[in-house]
Protein backbone atom coordinates (compact mmCIF):
# COMPACT_ATOMS: atom_id res chain seq x y z
CA UNK A 1 -4.48 32.72 -1.52
CA UNK A 2 -7.68 30.76 -0.95
CA UNK A 3 -7.72 27.54 1.08
CA UNK A 4 -8.78 25.60 -2.04
CA UNK A 5 -5.83 26.98 -4.00
CA UNK A 6 -3.45 26.16 -1.16
CA UNK A 7 -4.78 22.60 -0.94
CA UNK A 8 -4.42 22.13 -4.68
CA UNK A 9 -0.84 23.40 -4.53
CA UNK A 10 -0.03 20.88 -1.79
CA UNK A 11 -1.56 18.03 -3.80
CA UNK A 12 0.35 19.12 -6.90
CA UNK A 13 3.64 19.17 -4.98
CA UNK A 14 3.03 15.74 -3.46
CA UNK A 15 1.83 14.29 -6.78
CA UNK A 16 4.93 15.55 -8.60
CA UNK A 17 7.31 14.17 -5.96
CA UNK A 18 5.71 10.72 -5.82
CA UNK A 19 5.44 10.55 -9.58
CA UNK A 20 9.19 11.02 -9.70
CA UNK A 21 9.65 8.36 -7.02
CA UNK A 22 7.56 5.92 -9.06
CA UNK A 23 9.71 6.62 -12.10
CA UNK A 24 12.94 6.20 -10.16
CA UNK A 25 14.13 9.79 -10.60
CA UNK A 26 13.63 10.77 -6.96
CA UNK A 27 13.62 9.17 -3.54
CA UNK A 28 11.82 9.79 -0.28
CA UNK A 29 12.73 9.09 3.32
CA UNK A 30 9.05 8.76 4.16
CA UNK A 31 9.61 5.12 5.07
CA UNK A 32 11.00 2.86 7.78
CA UNK A 33 14.44 2.38 6.29
CA UNK A 34 14.68 5.60 4.27
CA UNK A 35 14.21 3.68 1.04
CA UNK A 36 12.85 0.47 -0.48
CA UNK A 37 13.91 -3.03 0.32
CA UNK A 38 13.46 -5.80 2.86
CA UNK A 39 15.41 -4.08 5.63
CA UNK A 40 13.02 -1.13 5.57
CA UNK A 41 10.00 -3.41 5.73
CA UNK A 42 11.41 -5.57 8.50
CA UNK A 43 11.97 -2.39 10.51
CA UNK A 44 8.24 -1.71 10.19
CA UNK A 45 7.20 -5.15 11.41
CA UNK A 46 6.67 -7.08 8.17
CA UNK A 47 7.73 -10.74 8.21
CA UNK A 48 9.82 -12.75 5.79
CA UNK A 49 6.62 -14.48 4.66
CA UNK A 50 5.09 -11.07 3.90
CA UNK A 51 8.05 -10.14 1.71
CA UNK A 52 8.30 -13.42 -0.16
CA UNK A 53 7.04 -13.72 -3.72
CA UNK A 54 6.23 -10.07 -4.42
CA UNK A 55 7.30 -8.38 -7.68
CA UNK A 56 10.34 -6.11 -7.69
CA UNK A 57 9.11 -2.56 -7.21
CA UNK A 58 5.97 -3.44 -5.23
CA UNK A 59 7.74 -2.73 -1.95
CA UNK A 60 8.90 0.86 -2.23
CA UNK A 61 9.74 1.33 1.44
CA UNK A 62 7.43 4.33 1.81
CA UNK A 63 5.46 3.19 4.87
CA UNK A 64 5.82 4.08 8.53
CA UNK A 65 4.20 1.00 10.05
CA UNK A 66 2.33 -2.19 9.25
CA UNK A 67 -1.46 -1.71 8.97
CA UNK A 68 -1.80 -5.41 8.12
CA UNK A 69 -0.86 -6.20 11.73
CA UNK A 70 -3.93 -4.43 13.13
CA UNK A 71 -6.43 -4.98 10.30
CA UNK A 72 -7.43 -8.58 11.20
CA UNK A 73 -8.44 -9.18 7.58
CA UNK A 74 -10.78 -12.09 6.87
CA UNK A 75 -11.44 -14.17 3.81
CA UNK A 76 -14.02 -12.66 1.48
CA UNK A 77 -13.68 -9.07 2.68
CA UNK A 78 -13.47 -6.00 0.46
CA UNK A 79 -10.42 -3.89 1.36
CA UNK A 80 -9.36 -0.45 0.16
CA UNK A 81 -5.82 0.91 0.51
CA UNK A 82 -5.53 4.70 0.55
CA UNK A 83 -2.36 5.73 -1.26
CA UNK A 84 -1.47 2.31 -2.61
CA UNK A 85 1.88 3.22 -4.18
CA UNK A 86 3.46 0.19 -5.86
CA UNK A 87 0.81 -2.09 -4.37
CA UNK A 88 2.75 -3.68 -1.50
CA UNK A 89 0.01 -3.62 1.16
CA UNK A 90 -2.64 -4.44 -1.46
CA UNK A 91 -0.88 -7.64 -2.47
CA UNK A 92 -0.48 -8.69 1.16
CA UNK A 93 -4.16 -7.97 1.81
CA UNK A 94 -5.13 -9.99 -1.28
CA UNK A 95 -3.46 -13.05 0.21
CA UNK A 96 -5.55 -12.69 3.36
CA UNK A 97 -8.97 -12.04 1.80
CA UNK A 98 -8.48 -14.82 -0.75
CA UNK A 99 -10.15 -15.32 -4.14
CA UNK A 100 -13.59 -14.47 -2.77
CA UNK A 101 -12.32 -11.15 -1.43
CA UNK A 102 -11.35 -7.98 -3.22
CA UNK A 103 -8.67 -5.33 -2.74
CA UNK A 104 -8.82 -1.86 -4.31
CA UNK A 105 -5.79 0.42 -4.25
CA UNK A 106 -6.32 4.16 -4.67
CA UNK A 107 -3.52 6.55 -5.61
CA UNK A 108 -3.59 10.08 -7.01
CA UNK A 109 -0.33 9.66 -8.91
CA UNK A 110 -0.73 8.21 -12.43
CA UNK A 111 2.82 6.85 -12.39
CA UNK A 112 2.13 4.95 -9.17
CA UNK A 113 -1.11 3.47 -10.51
CA UNK A 114 0.69 2.30 -13.66
CA UNK A 115 3.49 0.79 -11.57
CA UNK A 116 1.03 -1.03 -9.31
CA UNK A 117 -0.93 -2.40 -12.28
CA UNK A 118 2.28 -3.65 -13.86
CA UNK A 119 3.20 -5.35 -10.59
CA UNK A 120 -0.26 -6.95 -10.39
CA UNK A 121 0.09 -8.30 -13.92
CA UNK A 122 3.50 -9.74 -13.09
CA UNK A 123 2.11 -11.35 -9.96
CA UNK A 124 -0.91 -12.69 -11.83
CA UNK A 125 -3.31 -11.58 -9.12
CA UNK A 126 -7.00 -11.45 -10.02
CA UNK A 127 -8.54 -9.92 -6.89
CA UNK A 128 -6.68 -6.58 -6.84
CA UNK A 129 -7.74 -3.44 -8.68
CA UNK A 130 -5.85 -0.13 -8.82
CA UNK A 131 -7.65 3.16 -9.44
CA UNK A 132 -6.53 6.73 -9.96
CA UNK A 133 -8.17 9.04 -7.45
CA UNK A 134 -7.73 11.38 -4.51
CA UNK A 135 -8.21 9.94 -1.04
CA UNK A 136 -10.49 12.87 -0.20
CA UNK A 137 -12.82 11.87 -3.07
CA UNK A 138 -12.74 8.10 -3.41
CA UNK A 139 -13.92 6.56 -6.71
CA UNK A 140 -16.18 4.15 -4.81
CA UNK A 141 -19.88 3.74 -4.10
CA UNK A 142 -21.38 4.24 -0.64
CA UNK A 143 -21.19 1.53 1.99
CA UNK A 144 -19.27 -1.13 0.08
CA UNK A 145 -15.99 -1.60 1.95
CA UNK A 146 -15.20 -3.81 4.94
CA UNK A 147 -11.75 -2.43 5.78
CA UNK A 148 -9.74 0.65 4.87
CA UNK A 149 -5.96 0.46 5.11
CA UNK A 150 -3.44 3.25 4.72
CA UNK A 151 0.29 3.44 5.34
CA UNK A 152 1.94 6.84 5.86
CA UNK A 153 -0.31 8.68 3.38
CA UNK A 154 -3.06 10.60 5.18
CA UNK A 155 -0.48 12.98 6.68
CA UNK A 156 0.18 14.15 3.11
CA UNK A 157 -3.42 15.29 2.62
CA UNK A 158 -4.19 18.99 3.13
CA UNK A 159 -7.82 18.10 4.00
CA UNK A 160 -7.76 15.24 6.48
CA UNK A 161 -11.37 15.91 7.51
CA UNK A 162 -12.43 15.09 3.94
CA UNK A 163 -10.31 11.91 3.97
CA UNK A 164 -12.01 10.56 7.08
CA UNK A 165 -15.47 11.70 5.96
CA UNK A 166 -15.15 9.89 2.63
CA UNK A 167 -13.68 6.83 4.31
CA UNK A 168 -16.76 6.77 6.54
CA UNK A 169 -19.01 7.09 3.47
CA UNK A 170 -17.60 4.10 1.63
CA UNK A 171 -17.35 1.78 4.64
CA UNK A 172 -20.17 -0.63 5.42
CA UNK A 173 -21.83 -0.39 8.84
CA UNK A 174 -19.39 -2.15 11.14
CA UNK A 175 -16.52 -1.46 8.72
CA UNK A 176 -13.17 -0.53 10.16
CA UNK A 177 -10.08 1.60 9.65
CA UNK A 178 -6.58 0.16 10.12
CA UNK A 179 -4.05 2.91 9.51
CA UNK A 180 -0.36 3.48 10.09
CA UNK A 181 0.53 7.14 9.87
CA UNK A 182 2.75 9.89 11.22
CA UNK A 183 1.39 12.09 14.00
CA UNK A 184 2.80 15.27 15.50
CA UNK A 185 3.94 14.99 19.10
CA UNK A 186 5.28 18.55 19.43
CA UNK A 187 4.99 21.76 17.43
CA UNK A 188 7.36 21.85 14.47
CA UNK A 189 9.84 24.73 14.18
CA UNK A 190 8.74 27.27 11.58
CA UNK A 191 11.60 26.31 9.24
CA UNK A 192 10.39 22.69 9.10
CA UNK A 193 6.76 23.74 8.68
CA UNK A 194 7.73 25.62 5.51
CA UNK A 195 10.15 22.99 4.17
CA UNK A 196 8.79 21.27 1.05
CA UNK A 197 10.95 18.22 1.75
CA UNK A 198 9.38 18.00 5.21
CA UNK A 199 5.94 18.06 3.59
CA UNK A 200 6.59 15.38 0.97
CA UNK A 201 8.67 13.45 3.52
CA UNK A 202 5.67 12.88 5.83
CA UNK A 203 6.65 15.39 8.52
CA UNK A 204 5.17 18.85 7.98
CA UNK A 205 1.64 17.61 7.26
CA UNK A 206 1.29 15.46 10.36
CA UNK A 207 -1.61 16.26 12.70
CA UNK A 208 -1.41 15.70 16.45
CA UNK A 209 -3.20 12.83 18.16
CA UNK A 210 -5.98 15.01 19.59
CA UNK A 211 -6.71 16.46 16.15
CA UNK A 212 -6.80 13.03 14.51
CA UNK A 213 -9.19 11.78 17.19
CA UNK A 214 -11.43 14.84 16.77
CA UNK A 215 -11.52 14.42 12.99
CA UNK A 216 -12.44 10.75 13.30
CA UNK A 217 -15.19 11.52 15.82
CA UNK A 218 -16.54 14.33 13.64
CA UNK A 219 -16.70 11.92 10.68
CA UNK A 220 -18.80 9.55 12.80
CA UNK A 221 -16.29 6.89 13.82
CA UNK A 222 -16.39 5.11 17.20
CA UNK A 223 -14.04 2.79 19.13
CA UNK A 224 -11.12 5.02 18.17
CA UNK A 225 -7.69 3.80 19.27
CA UNK A 226 -4.45 5.67 18.52
CA UNK A 227 -1.18 4.15 19.69
CA UNK A 228 2.01 6.14 19.21
CA UNK A 229 5.22 4.17 18.64
CA UNK A 230 8.10 5.81 20.48
CA UNK A 231 10.44 3.29 18.86
CA UNK A 232 9.59 4.76 15.45
CA UNK A 233 11.62 7.86 16.24
CA UNK A 234 14.73 5.80 15.59
CA UNK A 235 14.01 5.40 11.88
CA UNK A 236 12.31 8.79 11.56
CA UNK A 237 15.64 10.36 12.52
CA UNK A 238 16.96 9.12 9.15
CA UNK A 239 14.28 10.91 7.13
CA UNK A 240 15.91 14.36 7.42
CA UNK A 241 19.26 13.74 9.12
CA UNK A 242 20.40 16.50 11.43
CA UNK A 243 17.02 18.26 11.49
CA UNK A 244 15.77 16.64 14.69
CA UNK A 245 12.40 15.70 13.13
CA UNK A 246 12.23 12.67 15.40
CA UNK A 247 11.58 15.04 18.32
CA UNK A 248 8.39 16.32 16.70
CA UNK A 249 6.70 13.37 14.96
CA UNK A 250 6.24 9.64 15.47
CA UNK A 251 4.48 6.76 13.76
CA UNK A 252 1.11 5.69 15.16
CA UNK A 253 -1.38 2.86 14.68
CA UNK A 254 -4.89 4.25 14.22
CA UNK A 255 -8.03 2.14 14.46
CA UNK A 256 -11.71 3.10 14.30
CA UNK A 257 -15.09 1.57 13.43
CA UNK A 258 -18.13 2.83 11.55
CA UNK A 259 -21.07 2.14 13.89
CA UNK A 260 -23.83 -0.26 12.94
CA UNK A 261 -24.23 -3.95 12.31
CA UNK A 262 -22.08 -5.45 9.58
CA UNK A 263 -23.95 -5.82 6.31
CA UNK A 264 -23.37 -7.37 2.89
CA UNK A 265 -23.43 -5.55 -0.41
CA UNK A 266 -24.59 -6.82 -3.79
CA UNK A 267 -22.26 -7.72 -6.66
CA UNK A 268 -22.31 -4.19 -8.08
CA UNK A 269 -20.78 -2.79 -4.92
CA UNK A 270 -17.60 -0.72 -5.20
CA UNK A 271 -18.10 0.24 -8.80
CA UNK A 272 -16.20 3.37 -9.75
CA UNK A 273 -18.99 5.65 -8.64
CA UNK A 274 -19.57 8.37 -6.11
CA UNK A 275 -22.99 9.69 -5.14
CA UNK A 276 -24.46 12.28 -7.45
């Protein structure tokens, strides 16, 4: 089987699983508390203020950290969330960038995009936009984004090099990555590597720290910082109870910068375009 076919099969499997999660017919333990709700989010470092006033269903408990804590978002910035899910991190980012800022959530699952748009309508937010798309091929123009967030999603991609390369493309000079994701800290047993639940549950697709750093450097990023959270193994143990996955993966905060002086885009920036 070709690499392209294998990658498409992985995306199809992940898309199907997360479509079912969005519709409520499946669950995932790819998240701090093994499910949605305030306890899961508090375990990941979100505050009571973060959780207040969000629509039911926005917080799906699918993260493995809090990218908001390292993003240092500023008013007026344009922010993109890779794998936006129900919109939780997007809505929090929208509060920070304010009415002059903009937040764009990207998700490859139609059911998730519909759910996020419904949540946005319920919240009455006007500076958040949700788009259907793959994180390897972002529906965004070049050089129009100040900050890229992602929470426990990039590990699900079969082509992480493409994810980081396209993130670099859409960021402005001086733009930054603020990512929470799962990284491998030891080689997985063969049985876990082949387990579909381990793949969709944010375990089998995790790359090790050295690989993530190499991919970021190859994409062109500088000032790369990757901090592994040993404490995260406590909640990761609940993802696949009895499997010992917590011995092989952990959550990490990943930061990087696109070199160059910060610049400002025109009003047409971040239209749903990619270079031809």
